[in-house]
């Protein structure tokens, strides 16, 4: 006569651990499709346009949302360090009905790793005259958002401005 094997129940801790692993695995996001540098450049271009649009719309909150927590913005001879300082330093530029200047990306380049990007383009006064050039470095955050980490404007260069 064959005796049945004794059934052993999983200890409660092991059962809870197994359940937690199953839940975590099922909640994990599907792997992202690898984006090309060209795709990523378009994402950065869109982020830069949204950044500029925040100024045009006089929306300081939208501006702030695109600034990295540890951002460094050069402002004349001053350096603004951190999102709070950048937002405080730029806040006066958001007062009034009309933006004091505008900008648009002319060139955008992304590292092959897809983690950092550079954008640059003209800064224009309200009449549309080019008064400077902006240079920004963007970092791709773990959640996929691009945030500006460094920003510096300079006088316009004589570099064959595009019409």
C-alpha atoms as a PDB file:
ATOM      1  CA  UNK A   1       0.000   0.000   0.000  1.00  0.00           C
ATOM      2  CA  UNK A   2       1.349   3.383  -1.011  1.00  0.00           C
ATOM      3  CA  UNK A   3       1.186   6.158   1.462  1.00  0.00           C
ATOM      4  CA  UNK A   4       0.375   9.623   0.234  1.00  0.00           C
ATOM      5  CA  UNK A   5       3.132  12.162   0.681  1.00  0.00           C
ATOM      6  CA  UNK A   6       2.427  14.670   3.381  1.00  0.00           C
ATOM      7  CA  UNK A   7       1.374  18.033   2.003  1.00  0.00           C
ATOM      8  CA  UNK A   8       3.394  20.934   3.244  1.00  0.00           C
ATOM      9  CA  UNK A   9       1.870  24.341   3.181  1.00  0.00           C
ATOM     10  CA  UNK A  10       4.064  27.246   2.230  1.00  0.00           C
ATOM     11  CA  UNK A  11       4.912  29.325   5.257  1.00  0.00           C
ATOM     12  CA  UNK A  12       2.836  32.484   5.382  1.00  0.00           C
ATOM     13  CA  UNK A  13       5.860  34.732   4.769  1.00  0.00           C
ATOM     14  CA  UNK A  14       6.894  32.782   1.677  1.00  0.00           C
ATOM     15  CA  UNK A  15       3.344  32.925   0.341  1.00  0.00           C
ATOM     16  CA  UNK A  16       3.180  36.702   0.860  1.00  0.00           C
ATOM     17  CA  UNK A  17       6.582  37.149  -0.797  1.00  0.00           C
ATOM     18  CA  UNK A  18       5.496  35.055  -3.781  1.00  0.00           C
ATOM     19  CA  UNK A  19       2.297  37.063  -4.077  1.00  0.00           C
ATOM     20  CA  UNK A  20       4.237  40.345  -3.936  1.00  0.00           C
ATOM     21  CA  UNK A  21       6.592  39.166  -6.693  1.00  0.00           C
ATOM     22  CA  UNK A  22       3.698  38.156  -8.935  1.00  0.00           C
ATOM     23  CA  UNK A  23       1.927  41.493  -8.399  1.00  0.00           C
ATOM     24  CA  UNK A  24       5.114  43.498  -9.011  1.00  0.00           C
ATOM     25  CA  UNK A  25       5.943  41.561 -12.165  1.00  0.00           C
ATOM     26  CA  UNK A  26       2.472  42.046 -13.581  1.00  0.00           C
ATOM     27  CA  UNK A  27       2.551  45.783 -12.820  1.00  0.00           C
ATOM     28  CA  UNK A  28       5.956  46.374 -14.441  1.00  0.00           C
ATOM     29  CA  UNK A  29       5.713  48.470 -17.591  1.00  0.00           C
ATOM     30  CA  UNK A  30       6.431  46.834 -20.893  1.00  0.00           C
ATOM     31  CA  UNK A  31       9.930  47.553 -22.170  1.00  0.00           C
ATOM     32  CA  UNK A  32      10.006  50.752 -24.196  1.00  0.00           C
ATOM     33  CA  UNK A  33      10.817  50.591 -27.851  1.00  0.00           C
ATOM     34  CA  UNK A  34      14.267  52.053 -28.380  1.00  0.00           C
ATOM     35  CA  UNK A  35      13.948  55.540 -29.808  1.00  0.00           C
ATOM     36  CA  UNK A  36      16.365  56.745 -32.438  1.00  0.00           C
ATOM     37  CA  UNK A  37      18.436  59.897 -31.893  1.00  0.00           C
ATOM     38  CA  UNK A  38      16.203  61.555 -34.483  1.00  0.00           C
ATOM     39  CA  UNK A  39      13.060  60.610 -32.526  1.00  0.00           C
ATOM     40  CA  UNK A  40      14.617  61.879 -29.318  1.00  0.00           C
ATOM     41  CA  UNK A  41      15.668  65.129 -30.998  1.00  0.00           C
ATOM     42  CA  UNK A  42      12.031  65.699 -31.935  1.00  0.00           C
ATOM     43  CA  UNK A  43      11.026  65.113 -28.303  1.00  0.00           C
ATOM     44  CA  UNK A  44      13.579  67.702 -27.180  1.00  0.00           C
ATOM     45  CA  UNK A  45      12.448  70.122 -29.886  1.00  0.00           C
ATOM     46  CA  UNK A  46       8.857  69.724 -28.637  1.00  0.00           C
ATOM     47  CA  UNK A  47       9.987  70.298 -25.036  1.00  0.00           C
ATOM     48  CA  UNK A  48      11.892  73.436 -26.077  1.00  0.00           C
ATOM     49  CA  UNK A  49       8.853  74.740 -27.966  1.00  0.00           C
ATOM     50  CA  UNK A  50       6.655  74.069 -24.917  1.00  0.00           C
ATOM     51  CA  UNK A  51       9.234  75.882 -22.780  1.00  0.00           C
ATOM     52  CA  UNK A  52       9.109  78.921 -25.088  1.00  0.00           C
ATOM     53  CA  UNK A  53       5.306  78.721 -25.257  1.00  0.00           C
ATOM     54  CA  UNK A  54       5.184  78.986 -21.456  1.00  0.00           C
ATOM     55  CA  UNK A  55       6.744  82.460 -21.764  1.00  0.00           C
ATOM     56  CA  UNK A  56       4.380  83.504 -24.547  1.00  0.00           C
ATOM     57  CA  UNK A  57       1.394  82.252 -22.533  1.00  0.00           C
ATOM     58  CA  UNK A  58       2.737  83.973 -19.390  1.00  0.00           C
ATOM     59  CA  UNK A  59       2.501  80.610 -17.575  1.00  0.00           C
ATOM     60  CA  UNK A  60       5.201  80.441 -14.892  1.00  0.00           C
ATOM     61  CA  UNK A  61       3.948  77.054 -13.655  1.00  0.00           C
ATOM     62  CA  UNK A  62       4.384  75.497 -17.120  1.00  0.00           C
ATOM     63  CA  UNK A  63       7.857  77.068 -17.297  1.00  0.00           C
ATOM     64  CA  UNK A  64       8.764  75.672 -13.873  1.00  0.00           C
ATOM     65  CA  UNK A  65       7.595  72.168 -14.818  1.00  0.00           C
ATOM     66  CA  UNK A  66      10.263  72.013 -17.546  1.00  0.00           C
ATOM     67  CA  UNK A  67      13.163  73.135 -15.328  1.00  0.00           C
ATOM     68  CA  UNK A  68      15.225  70.392 -13.654  1.00  0.00           C
ATOM     69  CA  UNK A  69      15.400  70.493  -9.866  1.00  0.00           C
ATOM     70  CA  UNK A  70      19.177  71.046 -10.028  1.00  0.00           C
ATOM     71  CA  UNK A  71      19.161  73.373 -13.046  1.00  0.00           C
ATOM     72  CA  UNK A  72      21.816  76.014 -13.618  1.00  0.00           C
ATOM     73  CA  UNK A  73      20.783  79.122 -15.580  1.00  0.00           C
ATOM     74  CA  UNK A  74      23.276  81.826 -16.444  1.00  0.00           C
ATOM     75  CA  UNK A  75      21.816  85.312 -16.188  1.00  0.00           C
ATOM     76  CA  UNK A  76      24.306  88.022 -17.116  1.00  0.00           C
ATOM     77  CA  UNK A  77      27.080  87.772 -14.535  1.00  0.00           C
ATOM     78  CA  UNK A  78      24.884  85.777 -12.164  1.00  0.00           C
ATOM     79  CA  UNK A  79      24.261  82.074 -11.937  1.00  0.00           C
ATOM     80  CA  UNK A  80      20.881  80.787 -10.766  1.00  0.00           C
ATOM     81  CA  UNK A  81      21.208  77.341  -9.167  1.00  0.00           C
ATOM     82  CA  UNK A  82      18.212  75.090  -8.643  1.00  0.00           C
ATOM     83  CA  UNK A  83      14.630  75.217  -9.898  1.00  0.00           C
ATOM     84  CA  UNK A  84      13.460  77.526  -7.115  1.00  0.00           C
ATOM     85  CA  UNK A  85      16.185  80.101  -7.843  1.00  0.00           C
ATOM     86  CA  UNK A  86      15.609  79.904 -11.607  1.00  0.00           C
ATOM     87  CA  UNK A  87      11.859  80.381 -11.235  1.00  0.00           C
ATOM     88  CA  UNK A  88      12.345  83.259  -8.773  1.00  0.00           C
ATOM     89  CA  UNK A  89      14.878  84.876 -11.097  1.00  0.00           C
ATOM     90  CA  UNK A  90      12.629  84.543 -14.142  1.00  0.00           C
ATOM     91  CA  UNK A  91       9.369  85.454 -12.378  1.00  0.00           C
ATOM     92  CA  UNK A  92       9.649  89.189 -13.235  1.00  0.00           C
ATOM     93  CA  UNK A  93       9.890  88.220 -16.927  1.00  0.00           C
ATOM     94  CA  UNK A  94       6.405  86.701 -16.661  1.00  0.00           C
ATOM     95  CA  UNK A  95       4.727  89.896 -15.463  1.00  0.00           C
ATOM     96  CA  UNK A  96       2.931  92.072 -17.960  1.00  0.00           C
ATOM     97  CA  UNK A  97       0.670  91.164 -20.833  1.00  0.00           C
ATOM     98  CA  UNK A  98       3.402  90.774 -23.437  1.00  0.00           C
ATOM     99  CA  UNK A  99       6.483  88.547 -23.230  1.00  0.00           C
ATOM    100  CA  UNK A 100       9.729  90.542 -23.242  1.00  0.00           C
ATOM    101  CA  UNK A 101      11.283  88.082 -25.690  1.00  0.00           C
ATOM    102  CA  UNK A 102      10.699  84.782 -27.456  1.00  0.00           C
ATOM    103  CA  UNK A 103      12.850  81.923 -28.633  1.00  0.00           C
ATOM    104  CA  UNK A 104      12.664  78.870 -30.854  1.00  0.00           C
ATOM    105  CA  UNK A 105      14.960  75.903 -31.384  1.00  0.00           C
ATOM    106  CA  UNK A 106      17.006  76.051 -34.562  1.00  0.00           C
ATOM    107  CA  UNK A 107      19.239  73.078 -33.853  1.00  0.00           C
ATOM    108  CA  UNK A 108      18.824  70.102 -31.550  1.00  0.00           C
ATOM    109  CA  UNK A 109      21.330  67.287 -31.010  1.00  0.00           C
ATOM    110  CA  UNK A 110      21.007  64.247 -28.734  1.00  0.00           C
ATOM    111  CA  UNK A 111      23.704  61.928 -27.400  1.00  0.00           C
ATOM    112  CA  UNK A 112      23.593  58.376 -28.735  1.00  0.00           C
ATOM    113  CA  UNK A 113      22.791  57.260 -25.174  1.00  0.00           C
ATOM    114  CA  UNK A 114      19.611  59.353 -25.353  1.00  0.00           C
ATOM    115  CA  UNK A 115      20.267  60.925 -21.956  1.00  0.00           C
ATOM    116  CA  UNK A 116      21.414  64.472 -22.815  1.00  0.00           C
ATOM    117  CA  UNK A 117      20.520  66.924 -25.547  1.00  0.00           C
ATOM    118  CA  UNK A 118      21.601  70.357 -26.702  1.00  0.00           C
ATOM    119  CA  UNK A 119      19.254  72.926 -28.226  1.00  0.00           C
ATOM    120  CA  UNK A 120      20.087  76.340 -29.597  1.00  0.00           C
ATOM    121  CA  UNK A 121      18.367  79.082 -31.531  1.00  0.00           C
ATOM    122  CA  UNK A 122      17.466  82.733 -31.813  1.00  0.00           C
ATOM    123  CA  UNK A 123      16.097  84.955 -29.085  1.00  0.00           C
ATOM    124  CA  UNK A 124      13.834  87.675 -30.490  1.00  0.00           C
ATOM    125  CA  UNK A 125      12.425  90.879 -29.051  1.00  0.00           C
ATOM    126  CA  UNK A 126       8.657  91.529 -29.262  1.00  0.00           C
ATOM    127  CA  UNK A 127       9.127  93.126 -32.712  1.00  0.00           C
ATOM    128  CA  UNK A 128      10.812  89.961 -34.000  1.00  0.00           C
ATOM    129  CA  UNK A 129      14.365  91.310 -34.155  1.00  0.00           C
ATOM    130  CA  UNK A 130      17.044  88.802 -33.214  1.00  0.00           C
ATOM    131  CA  UNK A 131      18.654  90.011 -30.000  1.00  0.00           C
ATOM    132  CA  UNK A 132      20.507  86.899 -28.881  1.00  0.00           C
ATOM    133  CA  UNK A 133      21.053  83.172 -29.075  1.00  0.00           C
ATOM    134  CA  UNK A 134      20.033  80.645 -26.435  1.00  0.00           C
ATOM    135  CA  UNK A 135      21.900  77.446 -25.634  1.00  0.00           C
ATOM    136  CA  UNK A 136      20.214  74.831 -23.465  1.00  0.00           C
ATOM    137  CA  UNK A 137      21.157  71.375 -22.257  1.00  0.00           C
ATOM    138  CA  UNK A 138      18.292  68.990 -21.593  1.00  0.00           C
ATOM    139  CA  UNK A 139      18.396  65.768 -19.560  1.00  0.00           C
ATOM    140  CA  UNK A 140      16.045  62.849 -20.066  1.00  0.00           C
ATOM    141  CA  UNK A 141      14.574  61.881 -16.727  1.00  0.00           C
ATOM    142  CA  UNK A 142      13.880  58.238 -15.747  1.00  0.00           C
ATOM    143  CA  UNK A 143      10.180  58.799 -16.509  1.00  0.00           C
ATOM    144  CA  UNK A 144      11.057  59.865 -20.085  1.00  0.00           C
ATOM    145  CA  UNK A 145      10.435  63.616 -19.652  1.00  0.00           C
ATOM    146  CA  UNK A 146      13.052  66.062 -20.888  1.00  0.00           C
ATOM    147  CA  UNK A 147      13.977  68.837 -18.426  1.00  0.00           C
ATOM    148  CA  UNK A 148      16.319  71.740 -19.057  1.00  0.00           C
ATOM    149  CA  UNK A 149      19.396  71.497 -16.827  1.00  0.00           C
ATOM    150  CA  UNK A 150      21.633  74.278 -18.187  1.00  0.00           C
ATOM    151  CA  UNK A 151      20.644  77.453 -19.993  1.00  0.00           C
ATOM    152  CA  UNK A 152      22.727  80.351 -21.242  1.00  0.00           C
ATOM    153  CA  UNK A 153      21.941  83.123 -23.644  1.00  0.00           C
ATOM    154  CA  UNK A 154      24.473  85.210 -25.491  1.00  0.00           C
ATOM    155  CA  UNK A 155      24.448  88.113 -27.951  1.00  0.00           C
ATOM    156  CA  UNK A 156      23.449  87.269 -31.507  1.00  0.00           C
ATOM    157  CA  UNK A 157      26.213  85.833 -33.605  1.00  0.00           C
ATOM    158  CA  UNK A 158      26.941  86.572 -37.229  1.00  0.00           C
ATOM    159  CA  UNK A 159      26.505  82.980 -38.273  1.00  0.00           C
ATOM    160  CA  UNK A 160      24.327  83.204 -41.339  1.00  0.00           C
ATOM    161  CA  UNK A 161      20.942  83.551 -39.690  1.00  0.00           C
ATOM    162  CA  UNK A 162      18.211  81.511 -41.317  1.00  0.00           C
ATOM    163  CA  UNK A 163      15.256  83.566 -42.581  1.00  0.00           C
END
